[in-house]
């Protein structure tokens, strides 16, 4: 992907990193599986048509090392995933989560994207980064793969920021329609991390109602809540906690399956809701985090609303909205 000189009419947008890799499209889990390679193509095509890639610096995601993955997972889990990689066909690691011969590379690229994004943002090369990667990560627990996820990409990036770059406080924001149980399992009791999430109650993985501790701000929303309830959750719960915590960097588990056209859930969000919540996150980042934000793709399974929602999100990330 070549970088082109910006030609759009926006006034001085910020350059952001766009991190992906061809390996992420080689992972697939069988015919008709919703977490499919076409998701990434739909996003990239739409961002290209909208001119948003003109304002993003392209990077290939590296392979996360075992050591980097082990910052967020047990080494036993990491080694089990490496050992499970098949030479042909599929290996089932969870009822809806399969490995093909390319899955391990894709999962390492997805986590490696979060590591690279963290390096770029902390080092001041770019203020923000969007990791257009799959498989997603927020269901991957400390010692288990599940829910389409093998390694927890955001968790790997956050621990890299804390343990390698020496940051003292980072926040994780998760607006996927499903609760980020994996991220909770990894960061419970880690007072260097504040996790703020919304999710639809009564959906997989059927967790979130019992918080793991004071560093977890989980707001379950009932079906058909819509954008007004999202705004209430952010204004009443997320923002007070974030402003009190004063994160030095923010990571986003950016799932778009709460969109009203996505049948994975039924919260009824639209593109304007994703733009609004991103604006609130960016305001916190400007106030406390030197504007440092890394966003990693999670859910979103119907191509058109996924692509449109990512564009709304990215437009705010790059300072064009």
C-alpha atoms as a PDB file:
ATOM      1  CA  UNK A   1       0.000   0.000   0.000  1.00  0.00           C
ATOM      2  CA  UNK A   2       1.651   3.232  -1.088  1.00  0.00           C
ATOM      3  CA  UNK A   3       1.307   6.518   0.734  1.00  0.00           C
ATOM      4  CA  UNK A   4      -0.046   9.407  -1.323  1.00  0.00           C
ATOM      5  CA  UNK A   5       0.023  13.121  -0.649  1.00  0.00           C
ATOM      6  CA  UNK A   6      -3.279  14.238   0.896  1.00  0.00           C
ATOM      7  CA  UNK A   7      -5.673  15.686  -1.656  1.00  0.00           C
ATOM      8  CA  UNK A   8      -8.833  16.068   0.438  1.00  0.00           C
ATOM      9  CA  UNK A   9     -10.304  19.314   1.688  1.00  0.00           C
ATOM     10  CA  UNK A  10     -10.038  18.728   5.441  1.00  0.00           C
ATOM     11  CA  UNK A  11      -8.043  21.296   7.353  1.00  0.00           C
ATOM     12  CA  UNK A  12      -4.752  19.965   8.771  1.00  0.00           C
ATOM     13  CA  UNK A  13      -5.895  16.477   9.794  1.00  0.00           C
ATOM     14  CA  UNK A  14      -3.484  14.477  11.892  1.00  0.00           C
ATOM     15  CA  UNK A  15      -1.635  11.639  10.243  1.00  0.00           C
ATOM     16  CA  UNK A  16      -2.365   8.272  11.807  1.00  0.00           C
ATOM     17  CA  UNK A  17      -0.877   4.818  11.305  1.00  0.00           C
ATOM     18  CA  UNK A  18      -2.856   2.201   9.380  1.00  0.00           C
ATOM     19  CA  UNK A  19      -1.508  -1.236  10.274  1.00  0.00           C
ATOM     20  CA  UNK A  20      -2.533  -4.458   8.574  1.00  0.00           C
ATOM     21  CA  UNK A  21      -1.019  -7.466   6.806  1.00  0.00           C
ATOM     22  CA  UNK A  22      -1.977  -9.820   3.997  1.00  0.00           C
ATOM     23  CA  UNK A  23      -1.620 -12.771   6.399  1.00  0.00           C
ATOM     24  CA  UNK A  24      -4.703 -11.541   8.256  1.00  0.00           C
ATOM     25  CA  UNK A  25      -6.842 -12.373   5.204  1.00  0.00           C
ATOM     26  CA  UNK A  26      -5.473 -15.924   4.919  1.00  0.00           C
ATOM     27  CA  UNK A  27      -7.014 -17.039   8.186  1.00  0.00           C
ATOM     28  CA  UNK A  28     -10.511 -18.447   7.694  1.00  0.00           C
ATOM     29  CA  UNK A  29     -12.663 -20.753   9.769  1.00  0.00           C
ATOM     30  CA  UNK A  30     -14.845 -22.445   7.181  1.00  0.00           C
ATOM     31  CA  UNK A  31     -17.664 -21.583   4.761  1.00  0.00           C
ATOM     32  CA  UNK A  32     -20.255 -19.067   5.981  1.00  0.00           C
ATOM     33  CA  UNK A  33     -18.346 -18.240   9.165  1.00  0.00           C
ATOM     34  CA  UNK A  34     -19.161 -14.615  10.070  1.00  0.00           C
ATOM     35  CA  UNK A  35     -15.571 -13.756  11.010  1.00  0.00           C
ATOM     36  CA  UNK A  36     -14.389 -13.915   7.401  1.00  0.00           C
ATOM     37  CA  UNK A  37     -11.487 -12.470   5.377  1.00  0.00           C
ATOM     38  CA  UNK A  38     -13.843 -10.237   3.389  1.00  0.00           C
ATOM     39  CA  UNK A  39     -14.228  -8.002   6.438  1.00  0.00           C
ATOM     40  CA  UNK A  40     -10.796  -6.461   5.947  1.00  0.00           C
ATOM     41  CA  UNK A  41     -11.260  -5.928   2.206  1.00  0.00           C
ATOM     42  CA  UNK A  42     -14.583  -4.161   2.808  1.00  0.00           C
ATOM     43  CA  UNK A  43     -12.960  -1.813   5.320  1.00  0.00           C
ATOM     44  CA  UNK A  44      -9.918  -0.999   3.228  1.00  0.00           C
ATOM     45  CA  UNK A  45     -11.946  -0.442   0.063  1.00  0.00           C
ATOM     46  CA  UNK A  46     -14.278   1.958   1.842  1.00  0.00           C
ATOM     47  CA  UNK A  47     -11.483   3.899   3.541  1.00  0.00           C
ATOM     48  CA  UNK A  48      -9.779   4.217   0.159  1.00  0.00           C
ATOM     49  CA  UNK A  49     -12.913   5.468  -1.583  1.00  0.00           C
ATOM     50  CA  UNK A  50     -13.551   7.985   1.200  1.00  0.00           C
ATOM     51  CA  UNK A  51     -10.000   9.329   0.939  1.00  0.00           C
ATOM     52  CA  UNK A  52      -9.199   8.486   4.549  1.00  0.00           C
ATOM     53  CA  UNK A  53      -6.161   6.380   3.705  1.00  0.00           C
ATOM     54  CA  UNK A  54      -4.584   9.532   2.243  1.00  0.00           C
ATOM     55  CA  UNK A  55      -4.116  10.675   5.840  1.00  0.00           C
ATOM     56  CA  UNK A  56      -2.782   7.405   7.223  1.00  0.00           C
ATOM     57  CA  UNK A  57       0.752   6.042   7.113  1.00  0.00           C
ATOM     58  CA  UNK A  58       0.672   2.372   6.056  1.00  0.00           C
ATOM     59  CA  UNK A  59       2.613  -0.251   7.982  1.00  0.00           C
ATOM     60  CA  UNK A  60       2.840  -4.025   7.721  1.00  0.00           C
ATOM     61  CA  UNK A  61       2.087  -5.742  11.013  1.00  0.00           C
ATOM     62  CA  UNK A  62       5.049  -7.722  12.366  1.00  0.00           C
ATOM     63  CA  UNK A  63       4.762 -11.171  13.908  1.00  0.00           C
ATOM     64  CA  UNK A  64       4.359 -10.897  17.654  1.00  0.00           C
ATOM     65  CA  UNK A  65       6.989 -12.911  19.466  1.00  0.00           C
ATOM     66  CA  UNK A  66       6.266 -15.524  22.103  1.00  0.00           C
ATOM     67  CA  UNK A  67       7.680 -13.132  24.681  1.00  0.00           C
ATOM     68  CA  UNK A  68       5.346 -10.331  23.592  1.00  0.00           C
ATOM     69  CA  UNK A  69       2.332 -12.641  23.647  1.00  0.00           C
ATOM     70  CA  UNK A  70       3.417 -13.870  27.072  1.00  0.00           C
ATOM     71  CA  UNK A  71       3.028 -10.368  28.473  1.00  0.00           C
ATOM     72  CA  UNK A  72      -0.747 -10.904  28.327  1.00  0.00           C
ATOM     73  CA  UNK A  73      -1.122 -14.706  28.256  1.00  0.00           C
ATOM     74  CA  UNK A  74       0.258 -17.686  30.073  1.00  0.00           C
ATOM     75  CA  UNK A  75       3.241 -19.152  28.254  1.00  0.00           C
ATOM     76  CA  UNK A  76       1.395 -22.475  28.303  1.00  0.00           C
ATOM     77  CA  UNK A  77      -1.434 -20.923  26.255  1.00  0.00           C
ATOM     78  CA  UNK A  78       1.033 -19.349  23.834  1.00  0.00           C
ATOM     79  CA  UNK A  79       2.878 -22.614  23.309  1.00  0.00           C
ATOM     80  CA  UNK A  80      -0.395 -24.541  22.949  1.00  0.00           C
ATOM     81  CA  UNK A  81      -1.520 -22.193  20.161  1.00  0.00           C
ATOM     82  CA  UNK A  82       1.806 -22.564  18.361  1.00  0.00           C
ATOM     83  CA  UNK A  83       1.654 -26.352  18.712  1.00  0.00           C
ATOM     84  CA  UNK A  84      -1.989 -26.558  17.575  1.00  0.00           C
ATOM     85  CA  UNK A  85      -1.358 -24.915  14.197  1.00  0.00           C
ATOM     86  CA  UNK A  86      -2.332 -27.454  11.507  1.00  0.00           C
ATOM     87  CA  UNK A  87      -0.515 -28.158   8.248  1.00  0.00           C
ATOM     88  CA  UNK A  88      -3.869 -28.711   6.530  1.00  0.00           C
ATOM     89  CA  UNK A  89      -7.550 -28.577   7.326  1.00  0.00           C
ATOM     90  CA  UNK A  90      -8.886 -27.163  10.579  1.00  0.00           C
ATOM     91  CA  UNK A  91      -8.180 -27.570  14.272  1.00  0.00           C
ATOM     92  CA  UNK A  92     -11.084 -26.689  16.572  1.00  0.00           C
ATOM     93  CA  UNK A  93     -10.008 -24.790  19.693  1.00  0.00           C
ATOM     94  CA  UNK A  94     -13.529 -23.708  20.673  1.00  0.00           C
ATOM     95  CA  UNK A  95     -16.987 -24.578  19.274  1.00  0.00           C
ATOM     96  CA  UNK A  96     -16.942 -21.509  16.990  1.00  0.00           C
ATOM     97  CA  UNK A  97     -13.184 -20.913  16.752  1.00  0.00           C
ATOM     98  CA  UNK A  98     -11.000 -22.840  14.303  1.00  0.00           C
ATOM     99  CA  UNK A  99      -7.389 -22.718  13.176  1.00  0.00           C
ATOM    100  CA  UNK A 100      -6.375 -23.269   9.569  1.00  0.00           C
ATOM    101  CA  UNK A 101      -2.722 -23.452   8.407  1.00  0.00           C
ATOM    102  CA  UNK A 102      -2.557 -19.630   8.229  1.00  0.00           C
ATOM    103  CA  UNK A 103      -4.292 -18.811  11.508  1.00  0.00           C
ATOM    104  CA  UNK A 104      -1.222 -18.732  13.714  1.00  0.00           C
ATOM    105  CA  UNK A 105       0.532 -16.224  11.439  1.00  0.00           C
ATOM    106  CA  UNK A 106      -2.619 -14.083  11.244  1.00  0.00           C
ATOM    107  CA  UNK A 107      -3.071 -14.109  15.024  1.00  0.00           C
ATOM    108  CA  UNK A 108       0.582 -13.196  15.550  1.00  0.00           C
ATOM    109  CA  UNK A 109       0.259 -10.369  12.999  1.00  0.00           C
ATOM    110  CA  UNK A 110      -2.882  -9.067  14.731  1.00  0.00           C
ATOM    111  CA  UNK A 111      -1.119  -8.954  18.098  1.00  0.00           C
ATOM    112  CA  UNK A 112       2.053  -7.665  16.462  1.00  0.00           C
ATOM    113  CA  UNK A 113       0.059  -4.805  14.961  1.00  0.00           C
ATOM    114  CA  UNK A 114      -0.884  -3.681  18.475  1.00  0.00           C
ATOM    115  CA  UNK A 115       2.775  -3.841  19.530  1.00  0.00           C
ATOM    116  CA  UNK A 116       3.922  -1.822  16.513  1.00  0.00           C
ATOM    117  CA  UNK A 117       1.096   0.679  16.988  1.00  0.00           C
ATOM    118  CA  UNK A 118       2.133   1.137  20.605  1.00  0.00           C
ATOM    119  CA  UNK A 119       5.746   1.748  19.596  1.00  0.00           C
ATOM    120  CA  UNK A 120       4.768   4.274  16.933  1.00  0.00           C
ATOM    121  CA  UNK A 121       2.416   6.195  19.203  1.00  0.00           C
ATOM    122  CA  UNK A 122       4.589   6.197  22.333  1.00  0.00           C
ATOM    123  CA  UNK A 123       7.647   7.222  20.321  1.00  0.00           C
ATOM    124  CA  UNK A 124       5.719  10.135  18.813  1.00  0.00           C
ATOM    125  CA  UNK A 125       5.834   8.975  15.189  1.00  0.00           C
ATOM    126  CA  UNK A 126       2.045   9.296  14.976  1.00  0.00           C
ATOM    127  CA  UNK A 127      -0.544  10.390  17.556  1.00  0.00           C
ATOM    128  CA  UNK A 128      -2.973   7.563  16.787  1.00  0.00           C
ATOM    129  CA  UNK A 129      -3.077   4.197  15.030  1.00  0.00           C
ATOM    130  CA  UNK A 130      -5.767   1.903  13.658  1.00  0.00           C
ATOM    131  CA  UNK A 131      -5.001  -1.803  13.447  1.00  0.00           C
ATOM    132  CA  UNK A 132      -7.090  -3.256  10.622  1.00  0.00           C
ATOM    133  CA  UNK A 133      -6.468  -6.860  11.587  1.00  0.00           C
ATOM    134  CA  UNK A 134      -8.099 -10.172  12.247  1.00  0.00           C
ATOM    135  CA  UNK A 135      -8.585 -12.457  14.081  1.00  0.00           C
ATOM    136  CA  UNK A 136     -10.046 -10.223  16.785  1.00  0.00           C
ATOM    137  CA  UNK A 137      -8.818 -10.518  20.349  1.00  0.00           C
ATOM    138  CA  UNK A 138     -10.992  -9.328  23.205  1.00  0.00           C
ATOM    139  CA  UNK A 139     -12.487 -12.741  24.053  1.00  0.00           C
ATOM    140  CA  UNK A 140      -9.058 -14.400  24.342  1.00  0.00           C
ATOM    141  CA  UNK A 141      -8.460 -14.955  28.040  1.00  0.00           C
ATOM    142  CA  UNK A 142      -5.200 -15.244  29.930  1.00  0.00           C
ATOM    143  CA  UNK A 143      -5.077 -18.980  29.289  1.00  0.00           C
ATOM    144  CA  UNK A 144      -7.726 -19.703  26.649  1.00  0.00           C
ATOM    145  CA  UNK A 145      -8.734 -18.974  23.059  1.00  0.00           C
ATOM    146  CA  UNK A 146     -12.448 -18.478  22.443  1.00  0.00           C
ATOM    147  CA  UNK A 147     -15.052 -16.440  20.595  1.00  0.00           C
ATOM    148  CA  UNK A 148     -13.138 -16.148  17.282  1.00  0.00           C
ATOM    149  CA  UNK A 149     -10.077 -14.938  19.250  1.00  0.00           C
ATOM    150  CA  UNK A 150      -6.668 -16.581  19.807  1.00  0.00           C
ATOM    151  CA  UNK A 151      -4.516 -13.845  21.368  1.00  0.00           C
ATOM    152  CA  UNK A 152      -5.812 -10.669  23.003  1.00  0.00           C
ATOM    153  CA  UNK A 153      -4.409  -8.007  20.691  1.00  0.00           C
ATOM    154  CA  UNK A 154      -5.290  -4.965  22.793  1.00  0.00           C
ATOM    155  CA  UNK A 155      -4.007  -6.654  25.948  1.00  0.00           C
ATOM    156  CA  UNK A 156      -0.681  -7.450  24.281  1.00  0.00           C
ATOM    157  CA  UNK A 157      -0.376  -3.816  23.194  1.00  0.00           C
ATOM    158  CA  UNK A 158      -1.348  -2.453  26.606  1.00  0.00           C
ATOM    159  CA  UNK A 159       1.127  -4.654  28.465  1.00  0.00           C
ATOM    160  CA  UNK A 160       3.816  -3.630  25.952  1.00  0.00           C
ATOM    161  CA  UNK A 161       3.101   0.016  26.800  1.00  0.00           C
ATOM    162  CA  UNK A 162       3.327  -0.721  30.522  1.00  0.00           C
ATOM    163  CA  UNK A 163       6.135  -3.246  30.714  1.00  0.00           C
ATOM    164  CA  UNK A 164       8.394  -2.171  27.850  1.00  0.00           C
ATOM    165  CA  UNK A 165       7.749   1.558  27.513  1.00  0.00           C
ATOM    166  CA  UNK A 166       7.269   2.092  31.225  1.00  0.00           C
ATOM    167  CA  UNK A 167       3.899   3.843  31.191  1.00  0.00           C
ATOM    168  CA  UNK A 168       2.170   3.813  34.551  1.00  0.00           C
ATOM    169  CA  UNK A 169      -1.514   4.044  33.553  1.00  0.00           C
ATOM    170  CA  UNK A 170      -3.337   2.944  30.420  1.00  0.00           C
ATOM    171  CA  UNK A 171      -7.041   2.706  29.671  1.00  0.00           C
ATOM    172  CA  UNK A 172      -8.859   0.143  27.542  1.00  0.00           C
ATOM    173  CA  UNK A 173     -12.169   1.144  25.953  1.00  0.00           C
ATOM    174  CA  UNK A 174     -14.351  -1.633  24.526  1.00  0.00           C
ATOM    175  CA  UNK A 175     -17.533  -0.804  22.599  1.00  0.00           C
ATOM    176  CA  UNK A 176     -18.077  -4.177  20.934  1.00  0.00           C
ATOM    177  CA  UNK A 177     -21.602  -5.554  21.326  1.00  0.00           C
ATOM    178  CA  UNK A 178     -20.124  -8.534  23.209  1.00  0.00           C
ATOM    179  CA  UNK A 179     -18.479  -8.220  26.604  1.00  0.00           C
ATOM    180  CA  UNK A 180     -14.668  -8.333  26.519  1.00  0.00           C
ATOM    181  CA  UNK A 181     -14.310 -11.176  28.963  1.00  0.00           C
ATOM    182  CA  UNK A 182     -10.765 -11.910  27.846  1.00  0.00           C
ATOM    183  CA  UNK A 183      -9.542  -8.421  28.580  1.00  0.00           C
ATOM    184  CA  UNK A 184     -11.186  -8.570  31.997  1.00  0.00           C
ATOM    185  CA  UNK A 185      -9.532 -11.891  32.776  1.00  0.00           C
ATOM    186  CA  UNK A 186      -6.116 -10.498  31.907  1.00  0.00           C
ATOM    187  CA  UNK A 187      -6.351  -7.146  33.694  1.00  0.00           C
ATOM    188  CA  UNK A 188      -8.370  -7.965  36.799  1.00  0.00           C
ATOM    189  CA  UNK A 189      -6.486  -6.605  39.755  1.00  0.00           C
ATOM    190  CA  UNK A 190      -3.975  -4.689  37.611  1.00  0.00           C
ATOM    191  CA  UNK A 191      -4.374  -1.159  38.935  1.00  0.00           C
ATOM    192  CA  UNK A 192      -2.261   0.199  36.082  1.00  0.00           C
ATOM    193  CA  UNK A 193      -5.196  -0.485  33.755  1.00  0.00           C
ATOM    194  CA  UNK A 194      -8.707   0.962  33.713  1.00  0.00           C
ATOM    195  CA  UNK A 195     -11.126  -0.903  31.446  1.00  0.00           C
ATOM    196  CA  UNK A 196     -14.368   0.783  30.374  1.00  0.00           C
ATOM    197  CA  UNK A 197     -16.846  -1.224  28.337  1.00  0.00           C
ATOM    198  CA  UNK A 198     -20.392  -1.361  27.108  1.00  0.00           C
ATOM    199  CA  UNK A 199     -22.011  -4.519  25.799  1.00  0.00           C
ATOM    200  CA  UNK A 200     -25.444  -5.996  25.210  1.00  0.00           C
ATOM    201  CA  UNK A 201     -26.706  -8.048  28.125  1.00  0.00           C
ATOM    202  CA  UNK A 202     -27.765 -11.625  27.515  1.00  0.00           C
ATOM    203  CA  UNK A 203     -25.289 -12.200  24.680  1.00  0.00           C
ATOM    204  CA  UNK A 204     -22.192 -14.364  24.382  1.00  0.00           C
ATOM    205  CA  UNK A 205     -19.999 -14.751  26.407  1.00  0.00           C
ATOM    206  CA  UNK A 206     -22.684 -14.157  29.077  1.00  0.00           C
ATOM    207  CA  UNK A 207     -20.281 -12.328  31.387  1.00  0.00           C
ATOM    208  CA  UNK A 208     -19.823  -8.798  32.634  1.00  0.00           C
ATOM    209  CA  UNK A 209     -22.578  -8.540  35.202  1.00  0.00           C
ATOM    210  CA  UNK A 210     -20.158  -9.334  38.043  1.00  0.00           C
ATOM    211  CA  UNK A 211     -17.224  -6.928  37.813  1.00  0.00           C
ATOM    212  CA  UNK A 212     -13.775  -8.244  38.612  1.00  0.00           C
ATOM    213  CA  UNK A 213     -12.830  -5.154  40.564  1.00  0.00           C
ATOM    214  CA  UNK A 214     -12.687  -1.377  40.818  1.00  0.00           C
ATOM    215  CA  UNK A 215     -10.598  -1.051  37.646  1.00  0.00           C
ATOM    216  CA  UNK A 216     -13.476  -2.460  35.551  1.00  0.00           C
ATOM    217  CA  UNK A 217     -16.287  -0.115  34.474  1.00  0.00           C
ATOM    218  CA  UNK A 218     -18.683  -2.518  32.739  1.00  0.00           C
ATOM    219  CA  UNK A 219     -22.027  -1.159  31.590  1.00  0.00           C
ATOM    220  CA  UNK A 220     -24.430  -3.752  30.255  1.00  0.00           C
ATOM    221  CA  UNK A 221     -27.124  -2.336  27.983  1.00  0.00           C
ATOM    222  CA  UNK A 222     -30.421  -4.061  27.243  1.00  0.00           C
ATOM    223  CA  UNK A 223     -31.496  -4.933  23.723  1.00  0.00           C
ATOM    224  CA  UNK A 224     -32.630  -1.996  21.550  1.00  0.00           C
ATOM    225  CA  UNK A 225     -30.911   0.557  23.771  1.00  0.00           C
ATOM    226  CA  UNK A 226     -29.749   2.745  20.894  1.00  0.00           C
ATOM    227  CA  UNK A 227     -27.297   5.611  20.926  1.00  0.00           C
ATOM    228  CA  UNK A 228     -28.942   7.522  23.765  1.00  0.00           C
ATOM    229  CA  UNK A 229     -28.123   4.775  26.263  1.00  0.00           C
ATOM    230  CA  UNK A 230     -24.567   4.625  24.925  1.00  0.00           C
ATOM    231  CA  UNK A 231     -24.218   8.344  25.605  1.00  0.00           C
ATOM    232  CA  UNK A 232     -25.635   7.945  29.109  1.00  0.00           C
ATOM    233  CA  UNK A 233     -23.167   5.150  29.889  1.00  0.00           C
ATOM    234  CA  UNK A 234     -20.208   7.154  28.615  1.00  0.00           C
ATOM    235  CA  UNK A 235     -21.192  10.426  30.291  1.00  0.00           C
ATOM    236  CA  UNK A 236     -22.312   8.945  33.601  1.00  0.00           C
ATOM    237  CA  UNK A 237     -19.753   6.160  34.064  1.00  0.00           C
ATOM    238  CA  UNK A 238     -16.830   6.133  31.633  1.00  0.00           C
ATOM    239  CA  UNK A 239     -15.836   9.782  31.590  1.00  0.00           C
ATOM    240  CA  UNK A 240     -15.768  10.339  35.370  1.00  0.00           C
ATOM    241  CA  UNK A 241     -13.654   7.199  35.814  1.00  0.00           C
ATOM    242  CA  UNK A 242     -11.320   8.050  32.934  1.00  0.00           C
ATOM    243  CA  UNK A 243     -10.778  11.626  34.062  1.00  0.00           C
ATOM    244  CA  UNK A 244     -10.046  10.476  37.605  1.00  0.00           C
ATOM    245  CA  UNK A 245      -7.643   7.784  36.332  1.00  0.00           C
ATOM    246  CA  UNK A 246      -5.778  10.128  33.922  1.00  0.00           C
ATOM    247  CA  UNK A 247      -4.523   7.455  31.482  1.00  0.00           C
ATOM    248  CA  UNK A 248      -1.217   8.070  29.751  1.00  0.00           C
ATOM    249  CA  UNK A 249      -2.422   6.124  26.713  1.00  0.00           C
ATOM    250  CA  UNK A 250      -5.740   4.713  25.505  1.00  0.00           C
ATOM    251  CA  UNK A 251      -6.386   1.434  23.696  1.00  0.00           C
ATOM    252  CA  UNK A 252      -9.699   0.772  21.950  1.00  0.00           C
ATOM    253  CA  UNK A 253     -11.272  -2.614  21.324  1.00  0.00           C
ATOM    254  CA  UNK A 254     -13.211  -1.315  18.345  1.00  0.00           C
ATOM    255  CA  UNK A 255     -16.094  -3.658  17.632  1.00  0.00           C
ATOM    256  CA  UNK A 256     -18.851  -2.483  15.305  1.00  0.00           C
ATOM    257  CA  UNK A 257     -21.339  -5.337  15.712  1.00  0.00           C
ATOM    258  CA  UNK A 258     -23.704  -3.184  17.785  1.00  0.00           C
ATOM    259  CA  UNK A 259     -24.743  -1.483  14.520  1.00  0.00           C
ATOM    260  CA  UNK A 260     -28.463  -1.722  13.792  1.00  0.00           C
ATOM    261  CA  UNK A 261     -27.757  -3.524  10.488  1.00  0.00           C
ATOM    262  CA  UNK A 262     -25.594  -6.214  12.138  1.00  0.00           C
ATOM    263  CA  UNK A 263     -27.569  -9.209  13.360  1.00  0.00           C
ATOM    264  CA  UNK A 264     -24.883 -10.275  15.854  1.00  0.00           C
ATOM    265  CA  UNK A 265     -26.554  -8.003  18.381  1.00  0.00           C
ATOM    266  CA  UNK A 266     -29.495  -5.706  18.822  1.00  0.00           C
ATOM    267  CA  UNK A 267     -28.282  -2.458  20.401  1.00  0.00           C
ATOM    268  CA  UNK A 268     -29.168  -0.435  17.319  1.00  0.00           C
ATOM    269  CA  UNK A 269     -26.159   1.869  17.000  1.00  0.00           C
ATOM    270  CA  UNK A 270     -25.441   3.845  13.823  1.00  0.00           C
ATOM    271  CA  UNK A 271     -22.315   5.464  12.379  1.00  0.00           C
ATOM    272  CA  UNK A 272     -22.936   8.728  14.255  1.00  0.00           C
ATOM    273  CA  UNK A 273     -22.789   6.834  17.549  1.00  0.00           C
ATOM    274  CA  UNK A 274     -19.348   5.423  16.733  1.00  0.00           C
ATOM    275  CA  UNK A 275     -18.142   8.876  15.718  1.00  0.00           C
ATOM    276  CA  UNK A 276     -19.491  10.369  18.960  1.00  0.00           C
ATOM    277  CA  UNK A 277     -17.929   7.797  21.274  1.00  0.00           C
ATOM    278  CA  UNK A 278     -14.612   8.166  19.456  1.00  0.00           C
ATOM    279  CA  UNK A 279     -14.810  11.933  19.949  1.00  0.00           C
ATOM    280  CA  UNK A 280     -15.246  11.420  23.695  1.00  0.00           C
ATOM    281  CA  UNK A 281     -12.259   9.070  23.799  1.00  0.00           C
ATOM    282  CA  UNK A 282     -10.141  11.521  21.835  1.00  0.00           C
ATOM    283  CA  UNK A 283     -11.086  14.329  24.217  1.00  0.00           C
ATOM    284  CA  UNK A 284      -9.880  12.248  27.171  1.00  0.00           C
ATOM    285  CA  UNK A 285      -6.701  11.427  25.260  1.00  0.00           C
ATOM    286  CA  UNK A 286      -6.056  15.098  24.544  1.00  0.00           C
ATOM    287  CA  UNK A 287      -6.603  15.977  28.199  1.00  0.00           C
ATOM    288  CA  UNK A 288      -4.523  13.239  29.800  1.00  0.00           C
ATOM    289  CA  UNK A 289      -2.692  11.073  27.236  1.00  0.00           C
ATOM    290  CA  UNK A 290      -0.907  13.484  24.891  1.00  0.00           C
ATOM    291  CA  UNK A 291      -3.507  12.413  22.323  1.00  0.00           C
ATOM    292  CA  UNK A 292      -2.113   8.849  22.241  1.00  0.00           C
ATOM    293  CA  UNK A 293      -4.698   6.313  21.053  1.00  0.00           C
ATOM    294  CA  UNK A 294      -4.350   2.825  19.539  1.00  0.00           C
ATOM    295  CA  UNK A 295      -7.491   1.235  18.111  1.00  0.00           C
ATOM    296  CA  UNK A 296      -7.755  -2.445  17.169  1.00  0.00           C
ATOM    297  CA  UNK A 297     -10.583  -3.943  15.134  1.00  0.00           C
ATOM    298  CA  UNK A 298     -12.786  -6.426  16.974  1.00  0.00           C
ATOM    299  CA  UNK A 299     -16.294  -7.366  15.761  1.00  0.00           C
ATOM    300  CA  UNK A 300     -18.548  -6.247  12.941  1.00  0.00           C
ATOM    301  CA  UNK A 301     -19.831  -8.883  10.549  1.00  0.00           C
ATOM    302  CA  UNK A 302     -22.058  -7.261   7.910  1.00  0.00           C
ATOM    303  CA  UNK A 303     -19.784  -5.689   5.339  1.00  0.00           C
ATOM    304  CA  UNK A 304     -21.432  -2.357   4.525  1.00  0.00           C
ATOM    305  CA  UNK A 305     -22.259  -1.159   8.055  1.00  0.00           C
ATOM    306  CA  UNK A 306     -18.878  -2.431   9.234  1.00  0.00           C
ATOM    307  CA  UNK A 307     -17.025  -0.422   6.601  1.00  0.00           C
ATOM    308  CA  UNK A 308     -19.133   2.703   7.171  1.00  0.00           C
ATOM    309  CA  UNK A 309     -18.729   2.512  10.941  1.00  0.00           C
ATOM    310  CA  UNK A 310     -14.970   2.041  10.748  1.00  0.00           C
ATOM    311  CA  UNK A 311     -14.778   5.079   8.459  1.00  0.00           C
ATOM    312  CA  UNK A 312     -16.715   7.171  10.984  1.00  0.00           C
ATOM    313  CA  UNK A 313     -14.365   5.991  13.739  1.00  0.00           C
ATOM    314  CA  UNK A 314     -11.176   6.515  11.741  1.00  0.00           C
ATOM    315  CA  UNK A 315     -12.226   9.970  10.569  1.00  0.00           C
ATOM    316  CA  UNK A 316     -12.234  11.098  14.203  1.00  0.00           C
ATOM    317  CA  UNK A 317      -8.974   9.302  14.959  1.00  0.00           C
ATOM    318  CA  UNK A 318      -7.137  11.198  12.233  1.00  0.00           C
ATOM    319  CA  UNK A 319      -8.566  14.544  13.270  1.00  0.00           C
ATOM    320  CA  UNK A 320     -10.721  15.035  10.193  1.00  0.00           C
ATOM    321  CA  UNK A 321     -14.016  15.259  12.055  1.00  0.00           C
END
